[in-house]
Amino acid sequence: MNRAALTASAVVADAASLADEAGFDAVTLSAVARRLGVRTPSLYSHVRDLEALLDGVAALALAELAARVADAVAGRAGRAALEGYATAHRAYARDSPGRWQSLQRRAGDAVVRSEAARETVALARAVLRGYPVPQTEHVHAVRLLGSTINGFLALERIGGFDHSEPSPEASWSRTVDALDALLLAWPAAPRDRKAPL
């Protein structure tokens, strides 16, 4: 790449490509610099440090994922929206494994406060509007969706389902069914519990 064309977005995009090709752990400043044909110190004009570069990859991944989810849930409600939401996550994890891994780490403030992060939460809440989940319970429901989907995908990525029947596809479908049933029968918020005497 021509040095004159080197920008922060180009550095992050190359790091994201490296993550998909070799795994997120392979992303280092020196590895990205080699790919771009520059010396490592040249990158500091575009990214503050390694953490900023990794956050850049996560922000890029979050924006791409949000776009996919938006397409998958558009015009749908209830189980159809839930399935679109979950399947968009699964497809992104398969298509862009390194970028997906970037979302499985504690993100910096720039990522957490990004437009993509707000859009991701808004999309999850849009799915919940098709269910009788009170708005006061949305945080819990969004966390449930995220932990269930991410947990399944993490186990699938490491081959955790490869040694037994039925297939992961069958389990994925049942997982979406179970989430749908749970959201349809969301439990009432617990009353304040007093500590036992």
N, C-alpha and C. Protein backbone atom coordinates (compact mmCIF):
# COMPACT_ATOMS: atom_id res chain seq x y z
N MET A 1 0.85 -1.19 0.00
CA MET A 1 0.00 0.00 0.00
C MET A 1 0.88 1.24 0.00
N ASN A 2 0.54 2.22 -0.78
CA ASN A 2 1.27 3.48 -0.83
C ASN A 2 1.14 4.18 0.51
N ARG A 3 2.29 4.65 1.05
CA ARG A 3 2.26 5.32 2.35
C ARG A 3 1.30 6.50 2.36
N ALA A 4 1.20 7.21 1.24
CA ALA A 4 0.32 8.38 1.18
C ALA A 4 -1.14 7.97 1.37
N ALA A 5 -1.45 6.71 1.04
CA ALA A 5 -2.84 6.25 1.14
C ALA A 5 -3.15 5.67 2.52
N LEU A 6 -2.15 5.61 3.39
CA LEU A 6 -2.35 5.02 4.70
C LEU A 6 -3.21 5.94 5.57
N THR A 7 -4.32 5.40 6.05
CA THR A 7 -5.24 6.14 6.92
C THR A 7 -5.62 5.24 8.08
N ALA A 8 -6.25 5.83 9.09
CA ALA A 8 -6.69 5.03 10.23
C ALA A 8 -7.66 3.94 9.79
N SER A 9 -8.59 4.27 8.91
CA SER A 9 -9.56 3.27 8.46
C SER A 9 -8.90 2.17 7.66
N ALA A 10 -7.87 2.51 6.88
CA ALA A 10 -7.16 1.49 6.10
C ALA A 10 -6.39 0.55 7.03
N VAL A 11 -5.79 1.10 8.08
CA VAL A 11 -5.06 0.27 9.04
C VAL A 11 -6.02 -0.68 9.74
N VAL A 12 -7.16 -0.18 10.18
CA VAL A 12 -8.15 -1.01 10.86
C VAL A 12 -8.70 -2.08 9.92
N ALA A 13 -8.98 -1.70 8.68
CA ALA A 13 -9.51 -2.68 7.71
C ALA A 13 -8.52 -3.79 7.47
N ASP A 14 -7.22 -3.44 7.39
CA ASP A 14 -6.22 -4.48 7.17
C ASP A 14 -6.10 -5.38 8.40
N ALA A 15 -6.19 -4.79 9.58
CA ALA A 15 -6.15 -5.58 10.81
C ALA A 15 -7.34 -6.53 10.87
N ALA A 16 -8.51 -6.08 10.42
CA ALA A 16 -9.70 -6.93 10.41
C ALA A 16 -9.52 -8.09 9.44
N SER A 17 -8.91 -7.81 8.29
CA SER A 17 -8.65 -8.89 7.32
C SER A 17 -7.67 -9.90 7.90
N LEU A 18 -6.64 -9.41 8.58
CA LEU A 18 -5.68 -10.31 9.23
C LEU A 18 -6.38 -11.17 10.27
N ALA A 19 -7.27 -10.57 11.04
CA ALA A 19 -8.00 -11.32 12.07
C ALA A 19 -8.80 -12.46 11.45
N ASP A 20 -9.47 -12.19 10.33
CA ASP A 20 -10.25 -13.24 9.67
C ASP A 20 -9.36 -14.34 9.09
N GLU A 21 -8.19 -13.95 8.59
CA GLU A 21 -7.29 -14.92 7.96
C GLU A 21 -6.52 -15.76 8.96
N ALA A 22 -6.07 -15.14 10.05
CA ALA A 22 -5.15 -15.83 10.96
C ALA A 22 -5.63 -15.91 12.40
N GLY A 23 -6.78 -15.32 12.69
CA GLY A 23 -7.30 -15.31 14.06
C GLY A 23 -7.04 -13.96 14.71
N PHE A 24 -7.93 -13.58 15.60
CA PHE A 24 -7.85 -12.27 16.23
C PHE A 24 -6.55 -12.11 17.03
N ASP A 25 -6.07 -13.20 17.62
CA ASP A 25 -4.84 -13.11 18.42
C ASP A 25 -3.61 -12.79 17.56
N ALA A 26 -3.73 -12.98 16.25
CA ALA A 26 -2.60 -12.68 15.36
C ALA A 26 -2.46 -11.20 15.06
N VAL A 27 -3.44 -10.41 15.47
CA VAL A 27 -3.41 -8.97 15.18
C VAL A 27 -2.46 -8.26 16.14
N THR A 28 -1.35 -7.83 15.61
CA THR A 28 -0.39 -7.02 16.35
C THR A 28 -0.01 -5.84 15.46
N LEU A 29 0.55 -4.82 16.06
CA LEU A 29 0.97 -3.67 15.27
C LEU A 29 2.04 -4.06 14.26
N SER A 30 2.98 -4.91 14.67
CA SER A 30 4.05 -5.30 13.75
C SER A 30 3.52 -6.15 12.60
N ALA A 31 2.56 -7.03 12.88
CA ALA A 31 2.00 -7.87 11.82
C ALA A 31 1.24 -7.01 10.81
N VAL A 32 0.48 -6.05 11.28
CA VAL A 32 -0.27 -5.17 10.38
C VAL A 32 0.70 -4.30 9.58
N ALA A 33 1.74 -3.80 10.23
CA ALA A 33 2.72 -2.97 9.53
C ALA A 33 3.38 -3.76 8.40
N ARG A 34 3.73 -5.01 8.68
CA ARG A 34 4.36 -5.85 7.62
C ARG A 34 3.41 -6.01 6.44
N ARG A 35 2.15 -6.26 6.71
CA ARG A 35 1.18 -6.43 5.63
C ARG A 35 1.02 -5.16 4.80
N LEU A 36 1.15 -4.02 5.47
CA LEU A 36 0.98 -2.75 4.77
C LEU A 36 2.27 -2.24 4.14
N GLY A 37 3.37 -2.96 4.42
CA GLY A 37 4.65 -2.57 3.83
C GLY A 37 5.24 -1.32 4.45
N VAL A 38 4.97 -1.11 5.74
CA VAL A 38 5.54 0.05 6.43
C VAL A 38 6.21 -0.42 7.71
N ARG A 39 6.95 0.48 8.32
CA ARG A 39 7.56 0.17 9.62
C ARG A 39 6.52 0.40 10.71
N THR A 40 6.63 -0.38 11.78
CA THR A 40 5.64 -0.29 12.86
C THR A 40 5.43 1.12 13.38
N PRO A 41 6.49 1.91 13.60
CA PRO A 41 6.25 3.28 14.10
C PRO A 41 5.36 4.13 13.20
N SER A 42 5.30 3.79 11.91
CA SER A 42 4.44 4.55 10.99
C SER A 42 2.97 4.44 11.35
N LEU A 43 2.60 3.34 12.02
CA LEU A 43 1.19 3.14 12.36
C LEU A 43 0.73 4.08 13.46
N TYR A 44 1.66 4.57 14.28
CA TYR A 44 1.27 5.41 15.41
C TYR A 44 0.71 6.76 14.98
N SER A 45 0.87 7.10 13.72
CA SER A 45 0.23 8.32 13.21
C SER A 45 -1.25 8.09 12.97
N HIS A 46 -1.66 6.83 12.98
CA HIS A 46 -3.05 6.48 12.62
C HIS A 46 -3.80 5.77 13.74
N VAL A 47 -3.10 5.03 14.59
CA VAL A 47 -3.72 4.37 15.75
C VAL A 47 -2.84 4.62 16.98
N ARG A 48 -3.48 4.87 18.11
CA ARG A 48 -2.74 5.24 19.32
C ARG A 48 -1.83 4.12 19.81
N ASP A 49 -2.38 2.90 19.84
CA ASP A 49 -1.64 1.75 20.34
C ASP A 49 -2.39 0.48 19.94
N LEU A 50 -1.92 -0.66 20.41
CA LEU A 50 -2.57 -1.93 20.03
C LEU A 50 -4.02 -1.97 20.50
N GLU A 51 -4.29 -1.52 21.71
CA GLU A 51 -5.67 -1.54 22.20
C GLU A 51 -6.60 -0.73 21.30
N ALA A 52 -6.11 0.42 20.85
CA ALA A 52 -6.92 1.25 19.95
C ALA A 52 -7.15 0.53 18.62
N LEU A 53 -6.15 -0.18 18.15
CA LEU A 53 -6.31 -0.94 16.90
C LEU A 53 -7.34 -2.06 17.08
N LEU A 54 -7.25 -2.79 18.20
CA LEU A 54 -8.20 -3.87 18.45
C LEU A 54 -9.62 -3.33 18.63
N ASP A 55 -9.73 -2.18 19.28
CA ASP A 55 -11.04 -1.54 19.41
C ASP A 55 -11.56 -1.10 18.04
N GLY A 56 -10.66 -0.66 17.17
CA GLY A 56 -11.06 -0.28 15.82
C GLY A 56 -11.65 -1.45 15.06
N VAL A 57 -11.02 -2.62 15.21
CA VAL A 57 -11.54 -3.82 14.56
C VAL A 57 -12.92 -4.16 15.14
N ALA A 58 -13.06 -4.05 16.46
CA ALA A 58 -14.35 -4.35 17.10
C ALA A 58 -15.43 -3.37 16.62
N ALA A 59 -15.10 -2.10 16.50
CA ALA A 59 -16.08 -1.11 16.04
C ALA A 59 -16.50 -1.40 14.61
N LEU A 60 -15.54 -1.77 13.78
CA LEU A 60 -15.85 -2.13 12.39
C LEU A 60 -16.76 -3.35 12.36
N ALA A 61 -16.41 -4.36 13.15
CA ALA A 61 -17.22 -5.58 13.20
C ALA A 61 -18.63 -5.30 13.70
N LEU A 62 -18.74 -4.46 14.70
CA LEU A 62 -20.06 -4.14 15.25
C LEU A 62 -20.93 -3.44 14.22
N ALA A 63 -20.33 -2.53 13.45
CA ALA A 63 -21.09 -1.83 12.41
C ALA A 63 -21.53 -2.80 11.31
N GLU A 64 -20.65 -3.71 10.93
CA GLU A 64 -21.01 -4.70 9.90
C GLU A 64 -22.10 -5.63 10.40
N LEU A 65 -21.97 -6.07 11.64
CA LEU A 65 -22.98 -6.96 12.22
C LEU A 65 -24.32 -6.26 12.33
N ALA A 66 -24.32 -5.01 12.77
CA ALA A 66 -25.57 -4.27 12.89
C ALA A 66 -26.27 -4.15 11.54
N ALA A 67 -25.50 -3.93 10.48
CA ALA A 67 -26.10 -3.83 9.14
C ALA A 67 -26.74 -5.16 8.74
N ARG A 68 -26.08 -6.26 9.05
CA ARG A 68 -26.64 -7.57 8.72
C ARG A 68 -27.91 -7.85 9.52
N VAL A 69 -27.86 -7.53 10.80
CA VAL A 69 -29.02 -7.78 11.65
C VAL A 69 -30.20 -6.92 11.19
N ALA A 70 -29.92 -5.66 10.85
CA ALA A 70 -31.00 -4.78 10.39
C ALA A 70 -31.68 -5.35 9.17
N ASP A 71 -30.91 -5.87 8.23
CA ASP A 71 -31.50 -6.50 7.04
C ASP A 71 -32.31 -7.73 7.41
N ALA A 72 -31.80 -8.50 8.38
CA ALA A 72 -32.43 -9.78 8.73
C ALA A 72 -33.74 -9.61 9.49
N VAL A 73 -33.90 -8.51 10.22
CA VAL A 73 -35.12 -8.34 11.01
C VAL A 73 -36.12 -7.38 10.37
N ALA A 74 -35.72 -6.71 9.31
CA ALA A 74 -36.60 -5.71 8.68
C ALA A 74 -37.93 -6.33 8.26
N GLY A 75 -39.03 -5.72 8.69
CA GLY A 75 -40.36 -6.17 8.31
C GLY A 75 -40.81 -7.43 9.00
N ARG A 76 -40.07 -7.91 9.98
CA ARG A 76 -40.43 -9.16 10.67
C ARG A 76 -40.77 -8.87 12.12
N ALA A 77 -41.50 -9.78 12.72
CA ALA A 77 -41.84 -9.66 14.14
C ALA A 77 -41.90 -11.05 14.74
N GLY A 78 -41.88 -11.09 16.08
CA GLY A 78 -42.00 -12.37 16.77
C GLY A 78 -40.87 -13.32 16.43
N ARG A 79 -41.24 -14.61 16.26
CA ARG A 79 -40.21 -15.61 16.04
C ARG A 79 -39.42 -15.35 14.76
N ALA A 80 -40.06 -14.84 13.72
CA ALA A 80 -39.35 -14.57 12.46
C ALA A 80 -38.25 -13.53 12.67
N ALA A 81 -38.54 -12.50 13.45
CA ALA A 81 -37.52 -11.48 13.75
C ALA A 81 -36.42 -12.07 14.62
N LEU A 82 -36.81 -12.86 15.60
CA LEU A 82 -35.83 -13.50 16.48
C LEU A 82 -34.90 -14.40 15.69
N GLU A 83 -35.48 -15.21 14.79
CA GLU A 83 -34.66 -16.11 13.98
C GLU A 83 -33.72 -15.31 13.07
N GLY A 84 -34.24 -14.24 12.46
CA GLY A 84 -33.38 -13.40 11.63
C GLY A 84 -32.25 -12.80 12.42
N TYR A 85 -32.55 -12.32 13.61
CA TYR A 85 -31.55 -11.72 14.49
C TYR A 85 -30.46 -12.72 14.84
N ALA A 86 -30.87 -13.89 15.30
CA ALA A 86 -29.91 -14.92 15.72
C ALA A 86 -29.10 -15.44 14.54
N THR A 87 -29.76 -15.69 13.42
CA THR A 87 -29.08 -16.25 12.25
C THR A 87 -28.11 -15.25 11.65
N ALA A 88 -28.41 -13.96 11.73
CA ALA A 88 -27.47 -12.95 11.23
C ALA A 88 -26.18 -12.99 12.05
N HIS A 89 -26.31 -13.16 13.36
CA HIS A 89 -25.12 -13.29 14.21
C HIS A 89 -24.31 -14.54 13.82
N ARG A 90 -25.01 -15.64 13.64
CA ARG A 90 -24.32 -16.90 13.32
C ARG A 90 -23.62 -16.81 11.97
N ALA A 91 -24.29 -16.23 10.99
CA ALA A 91 -23.67 -16.10 9.67
C ALA A 91 -22.45 -15.19 9.71
N TYR A 92 -22.54 -14.12 10.48
CA TYR A 92 -21.39 -13.21 10.58
C TYR A 92 -20.22 -13.91 11.27
N ALA A 93 -20.50 -14.68 12.31
CA ALA A 93 -19.44 -15.41 13.00
C ALA A 93 -18.74 -16.40 12.08
N ARG A 94 -19.49 -17.00 11.17
CA ARG A 94 -18.91 -17.95 10.22
C ARG A 94 -18.16 -17.25 9.10
N ASP A 95 -18.72 -16.17 8.59
CA ASP A 95 -18.13 -15.46 7.45
C ASP A 95 -16.92 -14.64 7.83
N SER A 96 -16.92 -14.10 9.04
CA SER A 96 -15.85 -13.20 9.49
C SER A 96 -15.40 -13.62 10.89
N PRO A 97 -14.73 -14.78 10.99
CA PRO A 97 -14.43 -15.33 12.32
C PRO A 97 -13.53 -14.46 13.19
N GLY A 98 -12.55 -13.80 12.57
CA GLY A 98 -11.67 -12.95 13.36
C GLY A 98 -12.37 -11.70 13.85
N ARG A 99 -13.18 -11.13 12.99
CA ARG A 99 -13.94 -9.94 13.40
C ARG A 99 -14.93 -10.32 14.50
N TRP A 100 -15.54 -11.50 14.36
CA TRP A 100 -16.45 -11.96 15.41
C TRP A 100 -15.71 -12.09 16.73
N GLN A 101 -14.49 -12.65 16.69
CA GLN A 101 -13.70 -12.78 17.91
C GLN A 101 -13.43 -11.42 18.54
N SER A 102 -13.29 -10.39 17.72
CA SER A 102 -13.01 -9.06 18.26
C SER A 102 -14.15 -8.56 19.14
N LEU A 103 -15.34 -9.11 18.94
CA LEU A 103 -16.50 -8.72 19.73
C LEU A 103 -16.62 -9.51 21.03
N GLN A 104 -15.71 -10.46 21.23
CA GLN A 104 -15.76 -11.31 22.41
C GLN A 104 -14.74 -10.87 23.45
N ARG A 105 -14.36 -9.61 23.42
CA ARG A 105 -13.43 -9.07 24.40
C ARG A 105 -14.06 -7.82 25.01
N ARG A 106 -13.53 -7.40 26.13
CA ARG A 106 -14.03 -6.17 26.75
C ARG A 106 -13.67 -5.00 25.85
N ALA A 107 -14.67 -4.27 25.41
CA ALA A 107 -14.46 -3.18 24.47
C ALA A 107 -14.12 -1.89 25.20
N GLY A 108 -13.37 -1.05 24.52
CA GLY A 108 -13.05 0.26 25.06
C GLY A 108 -14.23 1.21 24.93
N ASP A 109 -14.10 2.37 25.57
CA ASP A 109 -15.19 3.35 25.59
C ASP A 109 -15.63 3.78 24.20
N ALA A 110 -14.66 3.92 23.29
CA ALA A 110 -15.01 4.38 21.94
C ALA A 110 -15.96 3.40 21.25
N VAL A 111 -15.77 2.12 21.50
CA VAL A 111 -16.65 1.11 20.91
C VAL A 111 -18.00 1.12 21.61
N VAL A 112 -17.98 1.15 22.92
CA VAL A 112 -19.22 1.11 23.70
C VAL A 112 -20.12 2.30 23.39
N ARG A 113 -19.52 3.46 23.13
CA ARG A 113 -20.29 4.68 22.88
C ARG A 113 -20.55 4.93 21.40
N SER A 114 -20.17 3.99 20.56
CA SER A 114 -20.29 4.19 19.11
C SER A 114 -21.74 4.09 18.64
N GLU A 115 -21.97 4.65 17.47
CA GLU A 115 -23.29 4.57 16.84
C GLU A 115 -23.66 3.11 16.58
N ALA A 116 -22.66 2.30 16.20
CA ALA A 116 -22.91 0.88 15.92
C ALA A 116 -23.39 0.16 17.18
N ALA A 117 -22.82 0.51 18.34
CA ALA A 117 -23.26 -0.11 19.60
C ALA A 117 -24.70 0.27 19.91
N ARG A 118 -25.03 1.54 19.72
CA ARG A 118 -26.41 1.97 19.96
C ARG A 118 -27.38 1.28 19.00
N GLU A 119 -26.95 1.14 17.75
CA GLU A 119 -27.79 0.48 16.75
C GLU A 119 -28.00 -1.00 17.09
N THR A 120 -26.95 -1.65 17.58
CA THR A 120 -27.04 -3.06 17.95
C THR A 120 -28.06 -3.26 19.07
N VAL A 121 -28.01 -2.41 20.09
CA VAL A 121 -28.96 -2.50 21.19
C VAL A 121 -30.37 -2.20 20.69
N ALA A 122 -30.51 -1.19 19.84
CA ALA A 122 -31.83 -0.83 19.31
C ALA A 122 -32.43 -1.98 18.52
N LEU A 123 -31.61 -2.70 17.78
CA LEU A 123 -32.11 -3.84 17.00
C LEU A 123 -32.59 -4.96 17.91
N ALA A 124 -31.86 -5.22 18.98
CA ALA A 124 -32.30 -6.24 19.93
C ALA A 124 -33.63 -5.84 20.56
N ARG A 125 -33.75 -4.57 20.91
CA ARG A 125 -35.00 -4.08 21.49
C ARG A 125 -36.15 -4.15 20.49
N ALA A 126 -35.83 -3.95 19.21
CA ALA A 126 -36.86 -4.05 18.17
C ALA A 126 -37.39 -5.47 18.10
N VAL A 127 -36.52 -6.45 18.23
CA VAL A 127 -36.96 -7.85 18.26
C VAL A 127 -37.89 -8.08 19.45
N LEU A 128 -37.53 -7.50 20.59
CA LEU A 128 -38.32 -7.70 21.80
C LEU A 128 -39.71 -7.08 21.73
N ARG A 129 -39.89 -6.10 20.87
CA ARG A 129 -41.21 -5.48 20.75
C ARG A 129 -42.26 -6.46 20.25
N GLY A 130 -41.82 -7.56 19.65
CA GLY A 130 -42.76 -8.58 19.20
C GLY A 130 -43.14 -9.57 20.29
N TYR A 131 -42.70 -9.29 21.51
CA TYR A 131 -42.96 -10.20 22.63
C TYR A 131 -43.52 -9.42 23.82
N PRO A 132 -44.22 -10.12 24.71
CA PRO A 132 -44.79 -9.44 25.88
C PRO A 132 -43.76 -9.25 27.00
N VAL A 133 -42.61 -8.71 26.64
CA VAL A 133 -41.57 -8.44 27.63
C VAL A 133 -41.66 -6.96 28.00
N PRO A 134 -41.94 -6.64 29.26
CA PRO A 134 -42.05 -5.24 29.65
C PRO A 134 -40.75 -4.49 29.35
N GLN A 135 -40.88 -3.23 29.00
CA GLN A 135 -39.70 -2.43 28.68
C GLN A 135 -38.72 -2.40 29.84
N THR A 136 -39.24 -2.44 31.06
CA THR A 136 -38.36 -2.44 32.23
C THR A 136 -37.52 -3.71 32.33
N GLU A 137 -37.89 -4.73 31.57
CA GLU A 137 -37.16 -6.00 31.58
C GLU A 137 -36.27 -6.17 30.35
N HIS A 138 -36.25 -5.19 29.46
CA HIS A 138 -35.50 -5.33 28.21
C HIS A 138 -34.02 -5.57 28.42
N VAL A 139 -33.42 -4.93 29.39
CA VAL A 139 -31.99 -5.15 29.62
C VAL A 139 -31.72 -6.62 29.91
N HIS A 140 -32.55 -7.21 30.75
CA HIS A 140 -32.36 -8.63 31.08
C HIS A 140 -32.55 -9.51 29.84
N ALA A 141 -33.57 -9.20 29.06
CA ALA A 141 -33.85 -10.00 27.87
C ALA A 141 -32.74 -9.85 26.82
N VAL A 142 -32.23 -8.64 26.66
CA VAL A 142 -31.13 -8.43 25.70
C VAL A 142 -29.90 -9.21 26.15
N ARG A 143 -29.63 -9.21 27.45
CA ARG A 143 -28.49 -9.98 27.97
C ARG A 143 -28.70 -11.47 27.77
N LEU A 144 -29.92 -11.93 27.93
CA LEU A 144 -30.22 -13.35 27.70
C LEU A 144 -29.96 -13.71 26.24
N LEU A 145 -30.46 -12.89 25.32
CA LEU A 145 -30.22 -13.16 23.89
C LEU A 145 -28.74 -13.21 23.59
N GLY A 146 -28.02 -12.20 24.06
CA GLY A 146 -26.59 -12.13 23.76
C GLY A 146 -25.81 -13.30 24.33
N SER A 147 -26.09 -13.65 25.59
CA SER A 147 -25.33 -14.73 26.20
C SER A 147 -25.67 -16.08 25.59
N THR A 148 -26.92 -16.29 25.23
CA THR A 148 -27.31 -17.56 24.61
C THR A 148 -26.71 -17.70 23.21
N ILE A 149 -26.86 -16.67 22.40
CA ILE A 149 -26.34 -16.73 21.03
C ILE A 149 -24.81 -16.81 21.05
N ASN A 150 -24.17 -15.95 21.82
CA ASN A 150 -22.71 -15.96 21.86
C ASN A 150 -22.16 -17.25 22.44
N GLY A 151 -22.84 -17.78 23.46
CA GLY A 151 -22.38 -19.04 24.04
C GLY A 151 -22.46 -20.18 23.04
N PHE A 152 -23.56 -20.26 22.32
CA PHE A 152 -23.71 -21.31 21.31
C PHE A 152 -22.62 -21.17 20.26
N LEU A 153 -22.42 -19.95 19.77
CA LEU A 153 -21.45 -19.74 18.69
C LEU A 153 -20.02 -19.99 19.16
N ALA A 154 -19.72 -19.65 20.39
CA ALA A 154 -18.38 -19.91 20.92
C ALA A 154 -18.11 -21.41 21.00
N LEU A 155 -19.09 -22.17 21.48
CA LEU A 155 -18.93 -23.63 21.55
C LEU A 155 -18.86 -24.25 20.17
N GLU A 156 -19.67 -23.74 19.25
CA GLU A 156 -19.64 -24.26 17.88
C GLU A 156 -18.29 -23.98 17.23
N ARG A 157 -17.73 -22.79 17.50
CA ARG A 157 -16.45 -22.41 16.89
C ARG A 157 -15.32 -23.33 17.31
N ILE A 158 -15.33 -23.77 18.56
CA ILE A 158 -14.24 -24.64 19.03
C ILE A 158 -14.54 -26.13 18.81
N GLY A 159 -15.65 -26.43 18.12
CA GLY A 159 -15.98 -27.82 17.83
C GLY A 159 -16.63 -28.55 18.98
N GLY A 160 -17.24 -27.79 19.90
CA GLY A 160 -17.84 -28.41 21.08
C GLY A 160 -19.02 -29.31 20.79
N PHE A 161 -19.61 -29.20 19.60
CA PHE A 161 -20.78 -30.01 19.27
C PHE A 161 -20.45 -31.10 18.23
N ASP A 162 -19.19 -31.27 17.93
CA ASP A 162 -18.80 -32.16 16.82
C ASP A 162 -18.82 -33.65 17.17
N HIS A 163 -18.94 -33.99 18.43
CA HIS A 163 -18.74 -35.38 18.82
C HIS A 163 -20.00 -36.11 19.26
N SER A 164 -21.15 -35.51 19.00
CA SER A 164 -22.38 -36.18 19.39
C SER A 164 -23.52 -35.77 18.48
N GLU A 165 -24.55 -36.57 18.48
CA GLU A 165 -25.77 -36.28 17.74
C GLU A 165 -26.80 -35.70 18.70
N PRO A 166 -27.74 -34.92 18.22
CA PRO A 166 -27.99 -34.52 16.84
C PRO A 166 -27.01 -33.44 16.38
N SER A 167 -27.19 -33.01 15.16
CA SER A 167 -26.29 -32.03 14.57
C SER A 167 -26.45 -30.67 15.24
N PRO A 168 -25.42 -29.83 15.14
CA PRO A 168 -25.54 -28.46 15.65
C PRO A 168 -26.71 -27.70 15.02
N GLU A 169 -27.02 -28.02 13.76
CA GLU A 169 -28.15 -27.34 13.10
C GLU A 169 -29.46 -27.60 13.84
N ALA A 170 -29.64 -28.86 14.25
CA ALA A 170 -30.86 -29.21 14.98
C ALA A 170 -30.90 -28.49 16.32
N SER A 171 -29.76 -28.45 17.00
CA SER A 171 -29.70 -27.77 18.29
C SER A 171 -29.90 -26.27 18.14
N TRP A 172 -29.37 -25.69 17.05
CA TRP A 172 -29.55 -24.26 16.81
C TRP A 172 -31.04 -23.93 16.66
N SER A 173 -31.74 -24.73 15.89
CA SER A 173 -33.17 -24.51 15.69
C SER A 173 -33.92 -24.61 17.01
N ARG A 174 -33.55 -25.60 17.83
CA ARG A 174 -34.22 -25.77 19.11
C ARG A 174 -33.87 -24.63 20.07
N THR A 175 -32.67 -24.11 19.95
CA THR A 175 -32.28 -22.97 20.79
C THR A 175 -33.13 -21.75 20.46
N VAL A 176 -33.35 -21.50 19.16
CA VAL A 176 -34.21 -20.39 18.77
C VAL A 176 -35.64 -20.64 19.24
N ASP A 177 -36.12 -21.89 19.13
CA ASP A 177 -37.45 -22.24 19.63
C ASP A 177 -37.56 -21.95 21.13
N ALA A 178 -36.51 -22.33 21.87
CA ALA A 178 -36.53 -22.15 23.32
C ALA A 178 -36.52 -20.67 23.69
N LEU A 179 -35.72 -19.87 22.98
CA LEU A 179 -35.70 -18.43 23.24
C LEU A 179 -37.07 -17.82 22.94
N ASP A 180 -37.66 -18.25 21.84
CA ASP A 180 -38.99 -17.76 21.47
C ASP A 180 -40.00 -18.08 22.57
N ALA A 181 -40.00 -19.33 23.04
CA ALA A 181 -40.94 -19.74 24.09
C ALA A 181 -40.70 -18.96 25.37
N LEU A 182 -39.45 -18.75 25.71
CA LEU A 182 -39.14 -18.03 26.94
C LEU A 182 -39.57 -16.57 26.85
N LEU A 183 -39.33 -15.94 25.70
CA LEU A 183 -39.74 -14.54 25.54
C LEU A 183 -41.26 -14.40 25.56
N LEU A 184 -41.95 -15.40 25.02
CA LEU A 184 -43.42 -15.38 25.03
C LEU A 184 -43.98 -15.54 26.44
N ALA A 185 -43.22 -16.20 27.30
CA ALA A 185 -43.68 -16.45 28.67
C ALA A 185 -42.75 -15.78 29.67
N TRP A 186 -42.31 -14.56 29.35
CA TRP A 186 -41.34 -13.88 30.20
C TRP A 186 -41.89 -13.76 31.63
N PRO A 187 -41.09 -14.15 32.62
CA PRO A 187 -41.59 -14.12 34.00
C PRO A 187 -41.77 -12.69 34.51
N ALA A 188 -42.71 -12.54 35.41
CA ALA A 188 -42.93 -11.23 36.01
C ALA A 188 -41.69 -10.82 36.79
N ALA A 189 -41.46 -9.51 36.86
CA ALA A 189 -40.31 -9.02 37.62
C ALA A 189 -40.47 -9.40 39.08
N PRO A 190 -39.41 -9.87 39.71
CA PRO A 190 -39.53 -10.28 41.12
C PRO A 190 -39.78 -9.07 42.01
N ARG A 191 -40.56 -9.28 43.03
CA ARG A 191 -40.74 -8.22 44.02
C ARG A 191 -39.49 -8.15 44.87
N ASP A 192 -39.34 -7.02 45.54
CA ASP A 192 -38.18 -6.90 46.42
C ASP A 192 -38.22 -8.02 47.45
N ARG A 193 -37.13 -8.73 47.53
CA ARG A 193 -37.05 -9.85 48.47
C ARG A 193 -36.32 -9.40 49.72
N LYS A 194 -36.89 -9.72 50.85
CA LYS A 194 -36.21 -9.40 52.11
C LYS A 194 -35.31 -10.56 52.46
N ALA A 195 -34.19 -10.23 53.03
CA ALA A 195 -33.26 -11.27 53.46
C ALA A 195 -33.92 -12.12 54.55
N PRO A 196 -33.67 -13.44 54.53
CA PRO A 196 -34.26 -14.29 55.59
C PRO A 196 -33.74 -13.91 56.96
N LEU A 197 -34.60 -14.04 57.94
CA LEU A 197 -34.19 -13.72 59.33
C LEU A 197 -33.35 -14.81 59.90
